[in-house]
């Protein structure tokens, strides 16, 4: 399903991670795919409140929890700076879909990275 939100469609997800050779592009690609699937789910399911949005972002967070193992296997990891970049992307997505009151910590509350 193509993204219809123009702000999201034109966004370069995880650009900082692509720009840093510490993070293998093929693993970053998987992270970008997680974020795009989150956007697709938001557009398809149209959450009406923050609780519904958080349910979607937590599912994506769980995917990133699994992805961290792939970073480690590739000689990298989701460390402090990457964690901030990824969390910034979750905040961007919430804002782009007009959930401006979303709590940054709550968006990725179940993260283990």
C-alpha atoms as a PDB file:
ATOM      1  CA  UNK A   1       0.000   0.000   0.000  1.00  0.00           C
ATOM      2  CA  UNK A   2       1.586   3.309  -1.029  1.00  0.00           C
ATOM      3  CA  UNK A   3       1.914   6.007   1.623  1.00  0.00           C
ATOM      4  CA  UNK A   4      -0.579   8.817   0.999  1.00  0.00           C
ATOM      5  CA  UNK A   5       0.693  11.275   3.614  1.00  0.00           C
ATOM      6  CA  UNK A   6       2.938  13.575   1.557  1.00  0.00           C
ATOM      7  CA  UNK A   7       5.039  14.610   4.544  1.00  0.00           C
ATOM      8  CA  UNK A   8       5.853  10.955   5.232  1.00  0.00           C
ATOM      9  CA  UNK A   9       6.232   9.976   1.581  1.00  0.00           C
ATOM     10  CA  UNK A  10       8.949  12.590   1.096  1.00  0.00           C
ATOM     11  CA  UNK A  11      10.802  11.830   4.341  1.00  0.00           C
ATOM     12  CA  UNK A  12      14.277  10.246   4.338  1.00  0.00           C
ATOM     13  CA  UNK A  13      13.878   7.757   7.189  1.00  0.00           C
ATOM     14  CA  UNK A  14      16.983   6.911   9.234  1.00  0.00           C
ATOM     15  CA  UNK A  15      19.156   9.193   7.100  1.00  0.00           C
ATOM     16  CA  UNK A  16      21.690   9.630   9.910  1.00  0.00           C
ATOM     17  CA  UNK A  17      22.133   5.882  10.208  1.00  0.00           C
ATOM     18  CA  UNK A  18      22.705   5.559   6.457  1.00  0.00           C
ATOM     19  CA  UNK A  19      25.286   8.352   6.714  1.00  0.00           C
ATOM     20  CA  UNK A  20      27.221   6.528   9.461  1.00  0.00           C
ATOM     21  CA  UNK A  21      29.283   3.549   8.274  1.00  0.00           C
ATOM     22  CA  UNK A  22      28.929   1.910  11.709  1.00  0.00           C
ATOM     23  CA  UNK A  23      25.402   0.895  10.726  1.00  0.00           C
ATOM     24  CA  UNK A  24      25.241  -1.591   7.828  1.00  0.00           C
ATOM     25  CA  UNK A  25      22.877  -0.318   5.133  1.00  0.00           C
ATOM     26  CA  UNK A  26      21.195  -3.694   4.662  1.00  0.00           C
ATOM     27  CA  UNK A  27      20.150  -3.723   8.322  1.00  0.00           C
ATOM     28  CA  UNK A  28      19.158  -0.044   8.268  1.00  0.00           C
ATOM     29  CA  UNK A  29      16.999  -0.896   5.240  1.00  0.00           C
ATOM     30  CA  UNK A  30      15.061  -3.295   7.456  1.00  0.00           C
ATOM     31  CA  UNK A  31      14.586  -0.555  10.049  1.00  0.00           C
ATOM     32  CA  UNK A  32      13.292   1.794   7.376  1.00  0.00           C
ATOM     33  CA  UNK A  33      10.877  -0.921   6.258  1.00  0.00           C
ATOM     34  CA  UNK A  34       9.570  -1.239   9.833  1.00  0.00           C
ATOM     35  CA  UNK A  35       8.860   2.499   9.930  1.00  0.00           C
ATOM     36  CA  UNK A  36       7.157   2.455   6.536  1.00  0.00           C
ATOM     37  CA  UNK A  37       4.973  -0.493   7.603  1.00  0.00           C
ATOM     38  CA  UNK A  38       4.032   1.501  10.708  1.00  0.00           C
ATOM     39  CA  UNK A  39       2.929   4.376   8.471  1.00  0.00           C
ATOM     40  CA  UNK A  40       0.955   2.005   6.269  1.00  0.00           C
ATOM     41  CA  UNK A  41      -0.791   0.561   9.324  1.00  0.00           C
ATOM     42  CA  UNK A  42      -1.630   4.038  10.619  1.00  0.00           C
ATOM     43  CA  UNK A  43      -3.132   4.940   7.254  1.00  0.00           C
ATOM     44  CA  UNK A  44      -5.041   1.650   6.981  1.00  0.00           C
ATOM     45  CA  UNK A  45      -6.299   1.443  10.567  1.00  0.00           C
ATOM     46  CA  UNK A  46      -6.684   5.179  11.233  1.00  0.00           C
ATOM     47  CA  UNK A  47      -6.208   5.106  15.011  1.00  0.00           C
ATOM     48  CA  UNK A  48      -8.599   7.534  16.661  1.00  0.00           C
ATOM     49  CA  UNK A  49      -6.723   8.117  19.903  1.00  0.00           C
ATOM     50  CA  UNK A  50      -3.281   7.903  21.453  1.00  0.00           C
ATOM     51  CA  UNK A  51      -3.929   4.486  22.970  1.00  0.00           C
ATOM     52  CA  UNK A  52      -4.626   3.070  19.513  1.00  0.00           C
ATOM     53  CA  UNK A  53      -1.546   4.780  18.095  1.00  0.00           C
ATOM     54  CA  UNK A  54       0.620   3.424  20.919  1.00  0.00           C
ATOM     55  CA  UNK A  55      -0.576  -0.103  20.151  1.00  0.00           C
ATOM     56  CA  UNK A  56       0.738   0.318  16.599  1.00  0.00           C
ATOM     57  CA  UNK A  57       4.015   1.912  17.642  1.00  0.00           C
ATOM     58  CA  UNK A  58       4.620  -0.811  20.221  1.00  0.00           C
ATOM     59  CA  UNK A  59       4.291  -3.465  17.523  1.00  0.00           C
ATOM     60  CA  UNK A  60       6.911  -1.593  15.475  1.00  0.00           C
ATOM     61  CA  UNK A  61       9.096  -1.246  18.579  1.00  0.00           C
ATOM     62  CA  UNK A  62       9.003  -5.021  19.025  1.00  0.00           C
ATOM     63  CA  UNK A  63      10.239  -5.369  15.451  1.00  0.00           C
ATOM     64  CA  UNK A  64      13.148  -3.042  16.264  1.00  0.00           C
ATOM     65  CA  UNK A  65      13.868  -5.156  19.365  1.00  0.00           C
ATOM     66  CA  UNK A  66      14.379  -8.126  17.049  1.00  0.00           C
ATOM     67  CA  UNK A  67      16.300  -6.039  14.529  1.00  0.00           C
ATOM     68  CA  UNK A  68      18.861  -5.084  17.162  1.00  0.00           C
ATOM     69  CA  UNK A  69      20.069  -8.693  17.061  1.00  0.00           C
ATOM     70  CA  UNK A  70      20.772  -8.294  13.359  1.00  0.00           C
ATOM     71  CA  UNK A  71      22.744  -5.133  14.022  1.00  0.00           C
ATOM     72  CA  UNK A  72      24.814  -7.012  16.609  1.00  0.00           C
ATOM     73  CA  UNK A  73      25.376  -9.931  14.216  1.00  0.00           C
ATOM     74  CA  UNK A  74      26.631  -7.405  11.642  1.00  0.00           C
ATOM     75  CA  UNK A  75      29.110  -5.877  14.125  1.00  0.00           C
ATOM     76  CA  UNK A  76      26.916  -2.943  15.119  1.00  0.00           C
ATOM     77  CA  UNK A  77      24.127  -2.244  17.602  1.00  0.00           C
ATOM     78  CA  UNK A  78      21.320   0.164  18.365  1.00  0.00           C
ATOM     79  CA  UNK A  79      23.339   2.284  20.780  1.00  0.00           C
ATOM     80  CA  UNK A  80      22.561   5.629  22.406  1.00  0.00           C
ATOM     81  CA  UNK A  81      22.801   7.822  19.315  1.00  0.00           C
ATOM     82  CA  UNK A  82      20.906   5.363  17.102  1.00  0.00           C
ATOM     83  CA  UNK A  83      18.239   5.002  19.791  1.00  0.00           C
ATOM     84  CA  UNK A  84      17.675   8.758  19.688  1.00  0.00           C
ATOM     85  CA  UNK A  85      17.515   8.778  15.888  1.00  0.00           C
ATOM     86  CA  UNK A  86      14.990   5.937  15.828  1.00  0.00           C
ATOM     87  CA  UNK A  87      12.879   7.538  18.560  1.00  0.00           C
ATOM     88  CA  UNK A  88      12.952  10.807  16.591  1.00  0.00           C
ATOM     89  CA  UNK A  89      11.482   8.922  13.624  1.00  0.00           C
ATOM     90  CA  UNK A  90       8.636   7.599  15.777  1.00  0.00           C
ATOM     91  CA  UNK A  91       7.960  11.171  16.936  1.00  0.00           C
ATOM     92  CA  UNK A  92       8.059  12.419  13.348  1.00  0.00           C
ATOM     93  CA  UNK A  93       5.510   9.787  12.341  1.00  0.00           C
ATOM     94  CA  UNK A  94       3.189  10.626  15.233  1.00  0.00           C
ATOM     95  CA  UNK A  95       3.354  14.315  14.356  1.00  0.00           C
ATOM     96  CA  UNK A  96       2.881  13.704  10.625  1.00  0.00           C
ATOM     97  CA  UNK A  97      -0.355  11.866  11.399  1.00  0.00           C
ATOM     98  CA  UNK A  98      -1.487  14.687  13.697  1.00  0.00           C
ATOM     99  CA  UNK A  99      -0.823  12.975  17.016  1.00  0.00           C
ATOM    100  CA  UNK A 100       1.029  16.016  18.291  1.00  0.00           C
ATOM    101  CA  UNK A 101       0.267  15.131  21.923  1.00  0.00           C
ATOM    102  CA  UNK A 102       2.006  11.748  21.671  1.00  0.00           C
ATOM    103  CA  UNK A 103       4.538  11.119  24.429  1.00  0.00           C
ATOM    104  CA  UNK A 104       7.991  10.401  22.993  1.00  0.00           C
ATOM    105  CA  UNK A 105       8.768   7.763  25.633  1.00  0.00           C
ATOM    106  CA  UNK A 106       5.398   6.059  25.292  1.00  0.00           C
ATOM    107  CA  UNK A 107       5.813   5.660  21.531  1.00  0.00           C
ATOM    108  CA  UNK A 108       8.661   3.176  22.113  1.00  0.00           C
ATOM    109  CA  UNK A 109       7.971   2.180  25.720  1.00  0.00           C
ATOM    110  CA  UNK A 110       8.721  -1.521  25.199  1.00  0.00           C
ATOM    111  CA  UNK A 111      12.121  -1.007  23.583  1.00  0.00           C
ATOM    112  CA  UNK A 112      15.058  -3.008  24.842  1.00  0.00           C
ATOM    113  CA  UNK A 113      17.669  -1.046  22.913  1.00  0.00           C
END
